[in-house]
Amino acid sequence: MGVLFDVKEVLDFAAYIEQNGYDFYSEASKKFSDHKIVELLEYLALEEMKHETLFKKLAKSADTFNAEESYEGEFNAYMKEFCASHSLASRDKLRTILDNLKTFEDVLDMAISFEKDSVVFFLELKYMAAFDKEQIIEKVIKEELDHLRKLLKFRIKH
């Protein structure tokens, strides 16, 4: 049994995640004076803004996705829980995280977690790319993985 799922909702959430990522990196950058740390965080903030713009654009032309279900409402329930589990899903939670950041190691840990969550989220979105945007989502996944590599390399060097 299949159900039509509105991909626009997921793309809107992807844009929301990216906005929260932008807010996180922008606010975190204000907590440090080390030029290299600030430069890295500002770069990541700009990347998140770029992705937010992309997902908003994609949402305008989004279609539906035919999801297989074993019971009525299964896929919608899954997607609701899947979206809620992303570490950037809640602005309130994000504010608490930002307030509790004390060291750059704390920032790195959270940033690495965010980037990993984003890769998993976008892989799921790619699966739904029945709306003919799979290559674009793949590019975003590669960029998120590049962010993760930058963060891990930064951790190793500092």
C-alpha atoms as a PDB file:
ATOM      1  CA  MET A   1       0.000   0.000   0.000  1.00  0.00           C
ATOM      2  CA  GLY A   2       1.429   3.400  -0.947  1.00  0.00           C
ATOM      3  CA  VAL A   3       0.757   6.896   0.288  1.00  0.00           C
ATOM      4  CA  LEU A   4       1.600  10.181  -1.399  1.00  0.00           C
ATOM      5  CA  PHE A   5       3.911  12.181   0.815  1.00  0.00           C
ATOM      6  CA  ASP A   6       4.509  15.902   0.253  1.00  0.00           C
ATOM      7  CA  VAL A   7       8.256  16.298  -0.248  1.00  0.00           C
ATOM      8  CA  LYS A   8       7.860  20.079   0.200  1.00  0.00           C
ATOM      9  CA  GLU A   9       7.343  19.535   3.935  1.00  0.00           C
ATOM     10  CA  VAL A  10      10.665  17.722   4.234  1.00  0.00           C
ATOM     11  CA  LEU A  11      12.446  20.352   2.142  1.00  0.00           C
ATOM     12  CA  ASP A  12      10.961  23.074   4.350  1.00  0.00           C
ATOM     13  CA  PHE A  13      12.325  21.210   7.362  1.00  0.00           C
ATOM     14  CA  ALA A  14      15.709  20.865   5.642  1.00  0.00           C
ATOM     15  CA  ALA A  15      15.752  24.661   5.215  1.00  0.00           C
ATOM     16  CA  TYR A  16      14.806  25.036   8.898  1.00  0.00           C
ATOM     17  CA  ILE A  17      17.692  22.756   9.922  1.00  0.00           C
ATOM     18  CA  GLU A  18      20.099  24.795   7.827  1.00  0.00           C
ATOM     19  CA  GLN A  19      18.807  28.032   9.390  1.00  0.00           C
ATOM     20  CA  ASN A  20      19.389  26.567  12.833  1.00  0.00           C
ATOM     21  CA  GLY A  21      22.872  25.489  11.735  1.00  0.00           C
ATOM     22  CA  TYR A  22      23.552  29.039  10.575  1.00  0.00           C
ATOM     23  CA  ASP A  23      22.356  30.386  13.932  1.00  0.00           C
ATOM     24  CA  PHE A  24      24.518  27.874  15.815  1.00  0.00           C
ATOM     25  CA  TYR A  25      27.716  28.630  13.910  1.00  0.00           C
ATOM     26  CA  SER A  26      27.107  32.396  13.950  1.00  0.00           C
ATOM     27  CA  GLU A  27      26.445  32.492  17.692  1.00  0.00           C
ATOM     28  CA  ALA A  28      29.274  30.083  18.484  1.00  0.00           C
ATOM     29  CA  SER A  29      31.729  32.236  16.519  1.00  0.00           C
ATOM     30  CA  LYS A  30      30.998  35.144  18.887  1.00  0.00           C
ATOM     31  CA  LYS A  31      32.271  33.108  21.842  1.00  0.00           C
ATOM     32  CA  PHE A  32      35.864  32.942  20.598  1.00  0.00           C
ATOM     33  CA  SER A  33      38.638  35.376  19.752  1.00  0.00           C
ATOM     34  CA  ASP A  34      41.008  32.942  18.008  1.00  0.00           C
ATOM     35  CA  HIS A  35      40.974  34.018  14.349  1.00  0.00           C
ATOM     36  CA  LYS A  36      41.194  30.453  12.981  1.00  0.00           C
ATOM     37  CA  ILE A  37      38.246  29.285  15.083  1.00  0.00           C
ATOM     38  CA  VAL A  38      36.117  32.288  14.138  1.00  0.00           C
ATOM     39  CA  GLU A  39      37.027  31.858  10.462  1.00  0.00           C
ATOM     40  CA  LEU A  40      35.996  28.178  10.505  1.00  0.00           C
ATOM     41  CA  LEU A  41      32.679  28.888  12.247  1.00  0.00           C
ATOM     42  CA  GLU A  42      31.844  31.814   9.959  1.00  0.00           C
ATOM     43  CA  TYR A  43      32.632  29.672   6.905  1.00  0.00           C
ATOM     44  CA  LEU A  44      30.291  26.948   8.187  1.00  0.00           C
ATOM     45  CA  ALA A  45      27.577  29.537   8.895  1.00  0.00           C
ATOM     46  CA  LEU A  46      27.753  30.767   5.294  1.00  0.00           C
ATOM     47  CA  GLU A  47      27.578  27.191   4.026  1.00  0.00           C
ATOM     48  CA  GLU A  48      24.430  26.590   6.065  1.00  0.00           C
ATOM     49  CA  MET A  49      22.875  29.777   4.654  1.00  0.00           C
ATOM     50  CA  LYS A  50      23.683  28.611   1.118  1.00  0.00           C
ATOM     51  CA  HIS A  51      21.983  25.264   1.790  1.00  0.00           C
ATOM     52  CA  GLU A  52      18.950  26.943   3.349  1.00  0.00           C
ATOM     53  CA  THR A  53      18.486  29.026   0.186  1.00  0.00           C
ATOM     54  CA  LEU A  54      18.823  25.908  -1.968  1.00  0.00           C
ATOM     55  CA  PHE A  55      16.213  23.949  -0.007  1.00  0.00           C
ATOM     56  CA  LYS A  56      13.759  26.854  -0.083  1.00  0.00           C
ATOM     57  CA  LYS A  57      14.171  26.988  -3.856  1.00  0.00           C
ATOM     58  CA  LEU A  58      13.705  23.225  -4.198  1.00  0.00           C
ATOM     59  CA  ALA A  59      10.595  23.336  -2.005  1.00  0.00           C
ATOM     60  CA  LYS A  60       8.893  25.645  -4.500  1.00  0.00           C
ATOM     61  CA  SER A  61       8.990  22.932  -7.165  1.00  0.00           C
ATOM     62  CA  ALA A  62       8.626  19.880  -4.933  1.00  0.00           C
ATOM     63  CA  ASP A  63       6.312  17.076  -5.856  1.00  0.00           C
ATOM     64  CA  THR A  64       4.953  14.153  -3.915  1.00  0.00           C
ATOM     65  CA  PHE A  65       6.637  10.877  -3.043  1.00  0.00           C
ATOM     66  CA  ASN A  66       4.869   7.520  -3.162  1.00  0.00           C
ATOM     67  CA  ALA A  67       5.851   5.851   0.114  1.00  0.00           C
ATOM     68  CA  GLU A  68       5.119   2.208   0.815  1.00  0.00           C
ATOM     69  CA  GLU A  69       3.360   1.621   4.115  1.00  0.00           C
ATOM     70  CA  SER A  70       2.433  -1.490   6.049  1.00  0.00           C
ATOM     71  CA  TYR A  71      -0.307   0.473   7.854  1.00  0.00           C
ATOM     72  CA  GLU A  72      -2.029   3.809   7.274  1.00  0.00           C
ATOM     73  CA  GLY A  73      -0.031   6.767   8.567  1.00  0.00           C
ATOM     74  CA  GLU A  74       3.202   4.791   8.992  1.00  0.00           C
ATOM     75  CA  PHE A  75       5.353   6.936   6.717  1.00  0.00           C
ATOM     76  CA  ASN A  76       4.085  10.270   8.071  1.00  0.00           C
ATOM     77  CA  ALA A  77       4.704   9.076  11.639  1.00  0.00           C
ATOM     78  CA  TYR A  78       8.177   7.901  10.644  1.00  0.00           C
ATOM     79  CA  MET A  79       9.065  11.206   8.970  1.00  0.00           C
ATOM     80  CA  LYS A  80       7.744  13.246  11.895  1.00  0.00           C
ATOM     81  CA  GLU A  81       9.898  11.280  14.344  1.00  0.00           C
ATOM     82  CA  PHE A  82      12.866  11.215  11.962  1.00  0.00           C
ATOM     83  CA  CYS A  83      12.790  15.012  11.610  1.00  0.00           C
ATOM     84  CA  ALA A  84      12.346  15.548  15.344  1.00  0.00           C
ATOM     85  CA  SER A  85      15.420  13.419  16.081  1.00  0.00           C
ATOM     86  CA  HIS A  86      17.786  15.771  14.225  1.00  0.00           C
ATOM     87  CA  SER A  87      20.031  17.613  16.658  1.00  0.00           C
ATOM     88  CA  LEU A  88      19.035  20.938  15.064  1.00  0.00           C
ATOM     89  CA  ALA A  89      15.284  20.248  15.138  1.00  0.00           C
ATOM     90  CA  SER A  90      14.468  22.544  18.052  1.00  0.00           C
ATOM     91  CA  ARG A  91      15.390  26.207  18.408  1.00  0.00           C
ATOM     92  CA  ASP A  92      14.842  25.962  22.169  1.00  0.00           C
ATOM     93  CA  LYS A  93      17.228  23.039  22.398  1.00  0.00           C
ATOM     94  CA  LEU A  94      19.701  24.924  20.206  1.00  0.00           C
ATOM     95  CA  ARG A  95      19.556  27.950  22.539  1.00  0.00           C
ATOM     96  CA  THR A  96      20.262  25.698  25.531  1.00  0.00           C
ATOM     97  CA  ILE A  97      23.183  24.091  23.711  1.00  0.00           C
ATOM     98  CA  LEU A  98      24.629  27.501  22.828  1.00  0.00           C
ATOM     99  CA  ASP A  99      24.273  28.713  26.402  1.00  0.00           C
ATOM    100  CA  ASN A 100      26.163  25.678  27.686  1.00  0.00           C
ATOM    101  CA  LEU A 101      29.104  25.842  25.294  1.00  0.00           C
ATOM    102  CA  LYS A 102      32.228  26.577  27.273  1.00  0.00           C
ATOM    103  CA  THR A 103      35.138  25.425  25.143  1.00  0.00           C
ATOM    104  CA  PHE A 104      35.920  25.094  21.484  1.00  0.00           C
ATOM    105  CA  GLU A 105      35.962  21.329  22.042  1.00  0.00           C
ATOM    106  CA  ASP A 106      32.282  21.632  23.046  1.00  0.00           C
ATOM    107  CA  VAL A 107      31.584  23.497  19.806  1.00  0.00           C
ATOM    108  CA  LEU A 108      33.452  20.906  17.747  1.00  0.00           C
ATOM    109  CA  ASP A 109      31.529  18.062  19.381  1.00  0.00           C
ATOM    110  CA  MET A 110      28.175  19.704  18.651  1.00  0.00           C
ATOM    111  CA  ALA A 111      29.153  20.733  15.122  1.00  0.00           C
ATOM    112  CA  ILE A 112      30.313  17.199  14.312  1.00  0.00           C
ATOM    113  CA  SER A 113      27.040  15.833  15.678  1.00  0.00           C
ATOM    114  CA  PHE A 114      25.017  18.344  13.610  1.00  0.00           C
ATOM    115  CA  GLU A 115      26.889  17.527  10.416  1.00  0.00           C
ATOM    116  CA  LYS A 116      26.468  13.775  10.927  1.00  0.00           C
ATOM    117  CA  ASP A 117      22.745  14.212  11.589  1.00  0.00           C
ATOM    118  CA  SER A 118      22.472  16.309   8.438  1.00  0.00           C
ATOM    119  CA  VAL A 119      24.179  13.674   6.289  1.00  0.00           C
ATOM    120  CA  VAL A 120      21.754  11.015   7.529  1.00  0.00           C
ATOM    121  CA  PHE A 121      18.780  13.342   7.030  1.00  0.00           C
ATOM    122  CA  PHE A 122      19.819  14.257   3.498  1.00  0.00           C
ATOM    123  CA  LEU A 123      20.459  10.626   2.582  1.00  0.00           C
ATOM    124  CA  GLU A 124      16.840   9.942   3.509  1.00  0.00           C
ATOM    125  CA  LEU A 125      15.773  12.981   1.490  1.00  0.00           C
ATOM    126  CA  LYS A 126      17.776  11.654  -1.461  1.00  0.00           C
ATOM    127  CA  TYR A 127      15.800   8.414  -1.204  1.00  0.00           C
ATOM    128  CA  MET A 128      12.648  10.498  -1.669  1.00  0.00           C
ATOM    129  CA  ALA A 129      14.177  12.313  -4.627  1.00  0.00           C
ATOM    130  CA  ALA A 130      11.384  11.085  -6.826  1.00  0.00           C
ATOM    131  CA  PHE A 131      10.947  14.809  -7.388  1.00  0.00           C
ATOM    132  CA  ASP A 132      13.962  14.629  -9.725  1.00  0.00           C
ATOM    133  CA  LYS A 133      16.468  16.464  -7.533  1.00  0.00           C
ATOM    134  CA  GLU A 134      18.650  13.529  -6.466  1.00  0.00           C
ATOM    135  CA  GLN A 135      21.830  15.043  -7.934  1.00  0.00           C
ATOM    136  CA  ILE A 136      21.304  18.303  -6.061  1.00  0.00           C
ATOM    137  CA  ILE A 137      20.756  16.455  -2.779  1.00  0.00           C
ATOM    138  CA  GLU A 138      23.886  14.376  -3.476  1.00  0.00           C
ATOM    139  CA  LYS A 139      25.878  17.603  -3.872  1.00  0.00           C
ATOM    140  CA  VAL A 140      24.607  18.858  -0.495  1.00  0.00           C
ATOM    141  CA  ILE A 141      25.524  15.523   1.115  1.00  0.00           C
ATOM    142  CA  LYS A 142      29.049  15.830  -0.265  1.00  0.00           C
ATOM    143  CA  GLU A 143      29.291  19.385   1.096  1.00  0.00           C
ATOM    144  CA  GLU A 144      28.065  18.260   4.528  1.00  0.00           C
ATOM    145  CA  LEU A 145      30.675  15.488   4.503  1.00  0.00           C
ATOM    146  CA  ASP A 146      33.280  18.092   3.565  1.00  0.00           C
ATOM    147  CA  HIS A 147      32.182  20.171   6.583  1.00  0.00           C
ATOM    148  CA  LEU A 148      32.583  17.094   8.752  1.00  0.00           C
ATOM    149  CA  ARG A 149      36.093  16.506   7.387  1.00  0.00           C
ATOM    150  CA  LYS A 150      37.042  20.139   8.024  1.00  0.00           C
ATOM    151  CA  LEU A 151      35.832  19.884  11.609  1.00  0.00           C
ATOM    152  CA  LEU A 152      37.676  16.628  12.233  1.00  0.00           C
ATOM    153  CA  LYS A 153      40.888  17.963  10.667  1.00  0.00           C
ATOM    154  CA  PHE A 154      40.587  21.108  12.773  1.00  0.00           C
ATOM    155  CA  ARG A 155      40.215  18.947  15.876  1.00  0.00           C
ATOM    156  CA  ILE A 156      43.341  16.972  14.975  1.00  0.00           C
ATOM    157  CA  LYS A 157      45.415  20.103  14.332  1.00  0.00           C
ATOM    158  CA  HIS A 158      44.289  22.036  17.413  1.00  0.00           C
END
